[in-house]
C-alpha atoms as a PDB file:
ATOM      1  CA  UNK A   1     -69.848 -19.160  66.412  1.00  0.00           C
ATOM      2  CA  UNK A   2     -71.380 -16.592  63.983  1.00  0.00           C
ATOM      3  CA  UNK A   3     -69.770 -13.583  63.180  1.00  0.00           C
ATOM      4  CA  UNK A   4     -72.087  -9.948  61.875  1.00  0.00           C
ATOM      5  CA  UNK A   5     -70.313  -7.131  60.127  1.00  0.00           C
ATOM      6  CA  UNK A   6     -72.475  -3.957  61.623  1.00  0.00           C
ATOM      7  CA  UNK A   7     -70.847  -0.813  59.368  1.00  0.00           C
ATOM      8  CA  UNK A   8     -73.483   1.211  60.867  1.00  0.00           C
ATOM      9  CA  UNK A   9     -71.660   1.256  64.650  1.00  0.00           C
ATOM     10  CA  UNK A  10     -67.901   0.267  62.991  1.00  0.00           C
ATOM     11  CA  UNK A  11     -67.695  -2.929  65.072  1.00  0.00           C
ATOM     12  CA  UNK A  12     -67.753  -6.904  64.189  1.00  0.00           C
ATOM     13  CA  UNK A  13     -70.708  -8.894  66.641  1.00  0.00           C
ATOM     14  CA  UNK A  14     -69.959 -12.438  67.624  1.00  0.00           C
ATOM     15  CA  UNK A  15     -73.077 -14.099  68.505  1.00  0.00           C
ATOM     16  CA  UNK A  16     -73.653 -17.797  69.724  1.00  0.00           C
ATOM     17  CA  UNK A  17     -75.592 -20.481  67.547  1.00  0.00           C
ATOM     18  CA  UNK A  18     -78.842 -19.786  70.407  1.00  0.00           C
ATOM     19  CA  UNK A  19     -78.082 -16.059  69.353  1.00  0.00           C
ATOM     20  CA  UNK A  20     -77.004 -14.637  72.593  1.00  0.00           C
ATOM     21  CA  UNK A  21     -74.124 -11.967  72.432  1.00  0.00           C
ATOM     22  CA  UNK A  22     -70.961 -13.002  72.964  1.00  0.00           C
ATOM     23  CA  UNK A  23     -69.023  -9.984  72.298  1.00  0.00           C
ATOM     24  CA  UNK A  24     -67.820  -7.555  69.307  1.00  0.00           C
ATOM     25  CA  UNK A  25     -65.118  -6.164  68.273  1.00  0.00           C
ATOM     26  CA  UNK A  26     -64.345  -2.565  67.836  1.00  0.00           C
ATOM     27  CA  UNK A  27     -62.214  -0.301  66.422  1.00  0.00           C
ATOM     28  CA  UNK A  28     -63.013  -1.082  62.431  1.00  0.00           C
ATOM     29  CA  UNK A  29     -64.174   1.770  60.074  1.00  0.00           C
ATOM     30  CA  UNK A  30     -67.251   0.518  58.607  1.00  0.00           C
ATOM     31  CA  UNK A  31     -66.896  -2.896  58.035  1.00  0.00           C
ATOM     32  CA  UNK A  32     -68.528  -4.443  55.316  1.00  0.00           C
ATOM     33  CA  UNK A  33     -67.417  -8.059  54.525  1.00  0.00           C
ATOM     34  CA  UNK A  34     -66.004 -10.593  56.617  1.00  0.00           C
ATOM     35  CA  UNK A  35     -64.042 -13.817  56.006  1.00  0.00           C
ATOM     36  CA  UNK A  36     -62.310 -16.381  57.541  1.00  0.00           C
ATOM     37  CA  UNK A  37     -58.562 -16.726  56.762  1.00  0.00           C
ATOM     38  CA  UNK A  38     -57.431 -20.038  55.813  1.00  0.00           C
ATOM     39  CA  UNK A  39     -54.022 -19.447  57.626  1.00  0.00           C
ATOM     40  CA  UNK A  40     -56.462 -18.206  60.789  1.00  0.00           C
ATOM     41  CA  UNK A  41     -57.731 -14.912  61.907  1.00  0.00           C
ATOM     42  CA  UNK A  42     -60.011 -13.075  59.111  1.00  0.00           C
ATOM     43  CA  UNK A  43     -60.028 -10.592  56.479  1.00  0.00           C
ATOM     44  CA  UNK A  44     -62.433  -8.043  56.539  1.00  0.00           C
ATOM     45  CA  UNK A  45     -63.425  -5.130  54.096  1.00  0.00           C
ATOM     46  CA  UNK A  46     -63.691  -1.489  55.309  1.00  0.00           C
ATOM     47  CA  UNK A  47     -65.220  -0.053  52.320  1.00  0.00           C
ATOM     48  CA  UNK A  48     -65.673   3.729  53.189  1.00  0.00           C
ATOM     49  CA  UNK A  49     -61.905   3.338  53.947  1.00  0.00           C
ATOM     50  CA  UNK A  50     -61.220   1.807  50.404  1.00  0.00           C
ATOM     51  CA  UNK A  51     -59.518  -0.910  52.969  1.00  0.00           C
ATOM     52  CA  UNK A  52     -58.804  -4.611  53.159  1.00  0.00           C
ATOM     53  CA  UNK A  53     -58.017  -5.507  56.766  1.00  0.00           C
ATOM     54  CA  UNK A  54     -56.358  -8.796  58.249  1.00  0.00           C
ATOM     55  CA  UNK A  55     -57.566  -9.233  61.434  1.00  0.00           C
ATOM     56  CA  UNK A  56     -56.417 -11.739  63.805  1.00  0.00           C
ATOM     57  CA  UNK A  57     -58.433 -14.328  65.839  1.00  0.00           C
ATOM     58  CA  UNK A  58     -59.702 -11.821  68.142  1.00  0.00           C
ATOM     59  CA  UNK A  59     -60.552  -9.123  65.892  1.00  0.00           C
ATOM     60  CA  UNK A  60     -57.104  -7.110  66.077  1.00  0.00           C
ATOM     61  CA  UNK A  61     -56.030  -5.510  63.437  1.00  0.00           C
ATOM     62  CA  UNK A  62     -52.811  -7.090  61.744  1.00  0.00           C
ATOM     63  CA  UNK A  63     -52.725  -5.554  58.617  1.00  0.00           C
ATOM     64  CA  UNK A  64     -54.078  -3.031  56.185  1.00  0.00           C
ATOM     65  CA  UNK A  65     -54.007  -3.288  52.400  1.00  0.00           C
ATOM     66  CA  UNK A  66     -55.161   0.111  50.811  1.00  0.00           C
ATOM     67  CA  UNK A  67     -54.965   2.595  47.683  1.00  0.00           C
ATOM     68  CA  UNK A  68     -57.780   5.068  47.623  1.00  0.00           C
ATOM     69  CA  UNK A  69     -56.774   6.098  43.759  1.00  0.00           C
ATOM     70  CA  UNK A  70     -57.958   2.567  42.585  1.00  0.00           C
ATOM     71  CA  UNK A  71     -59.665   0.483  45.327  1.00  0.00           C
ATOM     72  CA  UNK A  72     -62.859   2.269  45.846  1.00  0.00           C
ATOM     73  CA  UNK A  73     -65.345   0.605  48.328  1.00  0.00           C
ATOM     74  CA  UNK A  74     -64.361  -2.917  48.385  1.00  0.00           C
ATOM     75  CA  UNK A  75     -67.379  -5.049  49.641  1.00  0.00           C
ATOM     76  CA  UNK A  76     -67.870  -8.482  50.239  1.00  0.00           C
ATOM     77  CA  UNK A  77     -64.800 -10.779  50.267  1.00  0.00           C
ATOM     78  CA  UNK A  78     -64.163 -14.297  50.135  1.00  0.00           C
ATOM     79  CA  UNK A  79     -60.980 -16.632  50.151  1.00  0.00           C
ATOM     80  CA  UNK A  80     -60.252 -19.276  47.124  1.00  0.00           C
ATOM     81  CA  UNK A  81     -58.793 -22.783  47.830  1.00  0.00           C
ATOM     82  CA  UNK A  82     -55.412 -21.304  46.915  1.00  0.00           C
ATOM     83  CA  UNK A  83     -55.754 -18.865  49.362  1.00  0.00           C
ATOM     84  CA  UNK A  84     -56.290 -15.730  46.813  1.00  0.00           C
ATOM     85  CA  UNK A  85     -58.816 -13.365  47.961  1.00  0.00           C
ATOM     86  CA  UNK A  86     -62.024 -12.255  45.645  1.00  0.00           C
ATOM     87  CA  UNK A  87     -62.932  -8.981  46.799  1.00  0.00           C
ATOM     88  CA  UNK A  88     -66.484  -7.399  45.327  1.00  0.00           C
ATOM     89  CA  UNK A  89     -66.030  -3.500  44.685  1.00  0.00           C
ATOM     90  CA  UNK A  90     -68.608  -1.394  43.859  1.00  0.00           C
ATOM     91  CA  UNK A  91     -68.743   1.234  41.496  1.00  0.00           C
ATOM     92  CA  UNK A  92     -65.022   0.632  40.898  1.00  0.00           C
ATOM     93  CA  UNK A  93     -62.600   0.558  37.629  1.00  0.00           C
ATOM     94  CA  UNK A  94     -59.434  -1.886  38.822  1.00  0.00           C
ATOM     95  CA  UNK A  95     -57.964  -4.960  39.067  1.00  0.00           C
ATOM     96  CA  UNK A  96     -54.987  -6.245  41.104  1.00  0.00           C
ATOM     97  CA  UNK A  97     -52.437  -9.185  39.143  1.00  0.00           C
ATOM     98  CA  UNK A  98     -49.613 -11.191  40.252  1.00  0.00           C
ATOM     99  CA  UNK A  99     -49.876 -14.798  42.807  1.00  0.00           C
ATOM    100  CA  UNK A 100     -47.837 -12.759  45.151  1.00  0.00           C
ATOM    101  CA  UNK A 101     -47.765  -9.894  47.036  1.00  0.00           C
ATOM    102  CA  UNK A 102     -43.828  -8.849  45.906  1.00  0.00           C
ATOM    103  CA  UNK A 103     -45.600  -9.313  42.487  1.00  0.00           C
ATOM    104  CA  UNK A 104     -48.900  -7.485  43.164  1.00  0.00           C
ATOM    105  CA  UNK A 105     -49.606  -4.535  40.438  1.00  0.00           C
ATOM    106  CA  UNK A 106     -52.921  -2.544  40.318  1.00  0.00           C
ATOM    107  CA  UNK A 107     -54.111  -1.820  36.676  1.00  0.00           C
ATOM    108  CA  UNK A 108     -57.563   0.132  35.502  1.00  0.00           C
ATOM    109  CA  UNK A 109     -60.248  -2.290  34.620  1.00  0.00           C
ATOM    110  CA  UNK A 110     -61.691  -1.629  31.024  1.00  0.00           C
ATOM    111  CA  UNK A 111     -65.429  -1.663  30.551  1.00  0.00           C
ATOM    112  CA  UNK A 112     -67.618   0.838  32.301  1.00  0.00           C
ATOM    113  CA  UNK A 113     -67.944   1.717  36.132  1.00  0.00           C
ATOM    114  CA  UNK A 114     -69.985  -0.681  37.929  1.00  0.00           C
ATOM    115  CA  UNK A 115     -69.634  -3.444  40.138  1.00  0.00           C
ATOM    116  CA  UNK A 116     -66.440  -5.802  39.844  1.00  0.00           C
ATOM    117  CA  UNK A 117     -64.942  -8.863  41.374  1.00  0.00           C
ATOM    118  CA  UNK A 118     -60.987  -8.665  41.730  1.00  0.00           C
ATOM    119  CA  UNK A 119     -58.952 -11.904  42.808  1.00  0.00           C
ATOM    120  CA  UNK A 120     -56.318 -10.775  44.518  1.00  0.00           C
ATOM    121  CA  UNK A 121     -53.124 -12.484  46.850  1.00  0.00           C
ATOM    122  CA  UNK A 122     -52.409 -10.342  49.975  1.00  0.00           C
END
């Protein structure tokens, strides 16, 4: 299957390899990026909400991480082989530290505002 984010219509569409629409996940607010989670399900970015969202295999929200003060418009997302997430942010000034969620801390990023790629573990 091919999954396509449609942020203008607040959904993710699911297509067969031949292009047939198989279904859609609704209820996400302006999803931008999407990647398959190694442990199953998916991660999505909802930039307008400054959120990274954990989805199950059916597109149901299972968790939301957000910080309006320091996470500004996460856009693209990918998961590394060791389970960390790489999140591309636009116009942002933040970074996340810590290998495990309980060690995670958000710190200001040095340098001018602009695009940033952040490595984090949720």
